[in-house]
Protein backbone atom coordinates (compact mmCIF):
# COMPACT_ATOMS: atom_id res chain seq x y z
CA MET A 1 112.00 104.32 62.99
CA GLY A 2 114.92 106.67 62.30
CA ARG A 3 118.54 105.92 63.01
CA PRO A 4 119.62 106.63 66.60
CA SER A 5 121.46 109.89 67.16
CA ALA A 6 125.08 109.98 68.27
CA ARG A 7 123.88 110.85 71.77
CA GLU A 8 121.56 107.83 71.90
CA LYS A 9 124.31 105.55 70.60
CA LEU A 10 126.58 106.73 73.40
CA LEU A 11 123.88 106.20 76.01
CA ASP A 12 123.05 102.71 74.74
CA CYS A 13 126.70 101.66 74.69
CA ALA A 14 127.47 103.19 78.07
CA GLU A 15 124.44 101.55 79.63
CA GLY A 16 125.45 98.12 78.40
CA LEU A 17 129.12 98.49 79.30
CA PHE A 18 128.48 99.98 82.77
CA SER A 19 125.95 97.27 83.62
CA GLU A 20 128.50 94.59 82.73
CA HIS A 21 131.78 96.08 83.96
CA GLY A 22 130.80 98.87 86.39
CA LEU A 23 131.80 102.52 86.21
CA GLU A 24 135.42 101.91 87.16
CA GLY A 25 135.82 99.18 84.56
CA VAL A 26 134.86 101.32 81.56
CA SER A 27 136.76 104.27 80.12
CA LEU A 28 135.19 107.06 78.11
CA ARG A 29 137.39 106.05 75.19
CA THR A 30 135.91 102.53 75.29
CA ILE A 31 132.37 103.92 75.10
CA ASN A 32 133.26 106.11 72.12
CA THR A 33 134.87 103.15 70.35
CA GLU A 34 131.92 100.85 71.07
CA ALA A 35 129.55 103.48 69.67
CA GLY A 36 131.69 103.87 66.56
CA LEU A 37 132.22 107.57 67.18
CA SER A 38 135.20 109.89 67.46
CA PRO A 39 137.25 110.01 70.70
CA ALA A 40 135.78 113.42 71.52
CA ALA A 41 132.12 112.49 71.02
CA LEU A 42 131.25 111.62 74.61
CA HIS A 43 132.96 114.69 76.01
CA TYR A 44 131.07 116.84 73.50
CA HIS A 45 127.66 115.45 74.44
CA PHE A 46 128.09 114.94 78.20
CA GLY A 47 131.34 116.43 79.43
CA THR A 48 132.00 114.05 82.32
CA LYS A 49 131.28 110.48 83.33
CA GLU A 50 129.09 111.79 86.17
CA ALA A 51 126.94 113.75 83.72
CA LEU A 52 126.72 110.66 81.53
CA VAL A 53 125.46 108.55 84.44
CA GLU A 54 122.84 111.16 85.32
CA ALA A 55 121.69 111.17 81.69
CA LEU A 56 121.36 107.39 81.87
CA LEU A 57 119.28 107.60 85.04
CA LEU A 58 117.05 110.22 83.42
CA ARG A 59 116.03 107.76 80.73
CA HIS A 60 113.55 106.02 83.03
CA MET A 61 113.88 107.31 86.60
CA PRO A 62 111.38 110.21 86.36
CA GLU A 63 108.67 107.91 84.97
CA LEU A 64 109.46 105.19 87.51
CA MET A 65 109.23 107.61 90.41
CA GLU A 66 106.05 109.20 89.10
CA ARG A 67 104.43 105.77 88.77
CA ARG A 68 105.62 104.73 92.23
CA SER A 69 104.40 107.99 93.75
CA LYS A 70 100.94 107.42 92.25
CA LEU A 71 100.79 103.90 93.68
CA LEU A 72 101.83 105.21 97.11
CA ASP A 73 99.21 107.97 96.87
CA ASP A 74 96.55 105.32 96.32
CA LEU A 75 97.76 103.41 99.38
CA SER A 76 97.88 106.55 101.53
CA ASP A 77 94.36 107.56 100.48
CA ALA A 78 92.83 104.14 101.11
CA GLU A 79 90.41 103.73 104.01
CA THR A 80 92.37 100.82 105.47
CA PRO A 81 96.09 100.93 106.34
CA ALA A 82 98.39 99.52 103.68
CA THR A 83 99.94 96.12 104.29
CA THR A 84 103.65 95.43 103.94
CA ARG A 85 103.00 93.46 100.76
CA GLU A 86 101.02 96.33 99.20
CA ILE A 87 103.76 98.83 100.04
CA LEU A 88 106.50 96.63 98.62
CA ALA A 89 104.36 96.01 95.53
CA ALA A 90 104.40 99.77 94.93
CA LEU A 91 108.19 99.58 95.08
CA VAL A 92 108.47 96.62 92.71
CA GLN A 93 105.69 97.22 90.17
CA PRO A 94 107.16 100.21 88.26
CA LEU A 95 110.35 98.23 87.62
CA ALA A 96 108.39 95.14 86.65
CA ASP A 97 106.46 97.23 84.14
CA LEU A 98 109.73 97.82 82.26
CA LEU A 99 110.09 94.07 81.84
CA ALA A 100 106.43 93.58 80.96
CA ALA A 101 106.88 96.00 78.06
CA GLY A 102 109.20 93.45 76.46
CA ASP A 103 111.74 96.13 75.59
CA ALA A 104 115.41 95.12 75.78
CA ALA A 105 116.21 98.68 76.86
CA GLY A 106 114.17 98.16 80.03
CA GLU A 107 116.12 95.04 80.93
CA ARG A 108 119.40 96.84 80.28
CA TYR A 109 118.33 99.73 82.50
CA LEU A 110 117.51 97.41 85.41
CA ARG A 111 120.91 95.72 85.06
CA LEU A 112 122.54 99.14 85.15
CA ILE A 113 120.69 100.20 88.31
CA HIS A 114 121.56 96.92 90.00
CA ARG A 115 125.25 97.22 89.09
CA LEU A 116 125.49 100.86 90.20
CA ARG A 117 123.89 100.05 93.54
CA ALA A 118 125.96 96.90 94.10
CA ASP A 119 129.17 98.83 93.41
CA GLY A 120 128.17 101.74 95.65
CA ASP A 121 127.96 104.11 92.69
CA LEU A 122 124.28 104.98 93.14
CA ASP A 123 123.79 107.36 96.06
CA PRO A 124 120.30 106.75 97.54
CA GLN A 125 120.21 110.28 98.93
CA PHE A 126 120.89 111.71 95.47
CA VAL A 127 117.94 109.73 94.08
CA VAL A 128 115.64 110.91 96.89
CA GLU A 129 116.63 114.55 96.45
CA ARG A 130 116.57 114.45 92.65
CA TRP A 131 113.24 112.60 92.38
CA PRO A 132 111.32 113.10 95.66
CA GLY A 133 107.98 111.52 96.45
CA GLY A 134 108.83 107.89 95.72
CA VAL A 135 111.40 105.93 97.69
CA ASP A 136 111.48 108.45 100.55
CA ARG A 137 107.83 107.66 101.37
CA LEU A 138 108.39 103.95 101.91
CA VAL A 139 109.82 104.02 105.45
CA PRO A 140 106.89 105.96 107.03
CA LEU A 141 104.36 103.62 105.41
CA LEU A 142 106.32 100.54 106.43
CA ARG A 143 106.53 101.79 110.02
CA LYS A 144 102.74 102.08 110.14
CA ALA A 145 102.39 98.57 108.74
CA ASN A 146 104.99 97.18 111.18
CA PRO A 147 104.64 99.15 114.44
CA SER A 148 106.54 96.52 116.45
CA LEU A 149 109.69 96.91 114.35
CA PRO A 150 112.20 99.67 115.25
CA ARG A 151 112.98 102.20 112.56
CA PRO A 152 116.64 101.19 112.13
CA LEU A 153 115.53 97.63 111.42
CA ILE A 154 112.88 98.80 108.95
CA GLU A 155 115.51 100.83 107.08
CA PHE A 156 117.92 97.89 107.11
CA ARG A 157 115.31 95.45 105.85
CA LEU A 158 114.19 97.88 103.16
CA GLY A 159 117.78 97.96 101.90
CA LEU A 160 117.76 94.16 101.72
CA VAL A 161 114.42 94.24 99.90
CA ILE A 162 115.77 96.64 97.28
CA GLU A 163 118.87 94.50 96.73
CA VAL A 164 116.89 91.27 96.30
CA MET A 165 114.32 93.02 94.09
CA LEU A 166 116.98 94.42 91.76
CA ARG A 167 118.89 91.14 91.72
CA SER A 168 115.74 89.27 90.72
CA LEU A 169 114.40 91.69 88.13
CA SER A 170 117.72 92.64 86.54
CA HIS A 171 117.93 89.17 85.01
CA GLY A 172 114.98 90.02 82.80
CA PRO A 173 111.63 88.27 82.45
CA PRO A 174 111.36 84.53 83.14
CA PRO A 175 112.60 82.17 80.41
CA ALA A 176 110.28 81.25 77.55
CA GLY A 177 107.14 79.74 78.99
CA GLY A 178 107.64 81.50 82.32
CA ASP A 179 105.00 83.83 83.71
CA LEU A 180 106.12 87.26 84.90
CA THR A 181 102.99 87.64 87.04
CA ILE A 182 103.77 84.43 88.92
CA HIS A 183 107.40 85.50 89.25
CA LEU A 184 106.37 88.83 90.79
CA SER A 185 103.87 87.20 93.13
CA ALA A 186 106.52 84.79 94.42
CA LEU A 187 109.01 87.64 94.79
CA LEU A 188 106.55 89.73 96.81
CA ASP A 189 105.64 86.75 99.00
CA PHE A 190 109.32 86.30 99.79
CA LEU A 191 110.05 90.00 100.37
CA SER A 192 107.02 90.73 102.54
CA GLY A 193 107.40 87.51 104.54
CA GLY A 194 110.99 88.30 105.40
CA PHE A 195 110.24 91.94 106.13
CA GLU A 196 107.50 91.12 108.64
CA GLU A 197 109.48 88.49 110.52
CA PRO A 198 109.42 89.38 114.27
CA PHE A 199 112.58 90.98 115.56
CA THR A 200 114.41 89.00 118.26
CA GLY A 201 117.56 91.11 118.70
CA GLU A 202 118.30 94.51 120.18
CA THR A 203 118.63 97.90 118.57
CA THR A 204 118.16 101.58 119.41
CA GLU A 205 115.66 104.05 118.02
């Protein structure tokens, strides 16, 4: 394998630093220094921090959304309505596949996504508009699977699901001897069980 390009060095360093310190905690100068490049390198390759973040997302997001869209297509085309667990599995599985590949870059990417979302630096609407056909299809399917739950509650619970999912997966695969399949099964049991819990409060459509 050839040596990484200057652009790839910058992306690798930025991904690691952002996932640990957040966007606000990392300067462009720090990324250049960490990559062992000149102070102008990042500006030359990306221009702005926003463009750098988009380049980081592009590393895996298109493939993740394509995989998720295919899984949701299969659920939509099935003869029987999809269950909550099946729908949430379509959300989780593409991310889990990054861990199953055993690539440290996949783990680093998940930590980045989790940090960006936790800090409010990942706009869900931007993701939906930039890569349609994945996340935006979840709410309609979940409403069909949970007709007794009001839409605002479904959207709220989906947000909780995404947070718990990212928190769980961003720590990487289970320790040595652990089984990722068992980990995912337990995670989906937890997520789907909580999502389907009957609603006892009040809300408006």
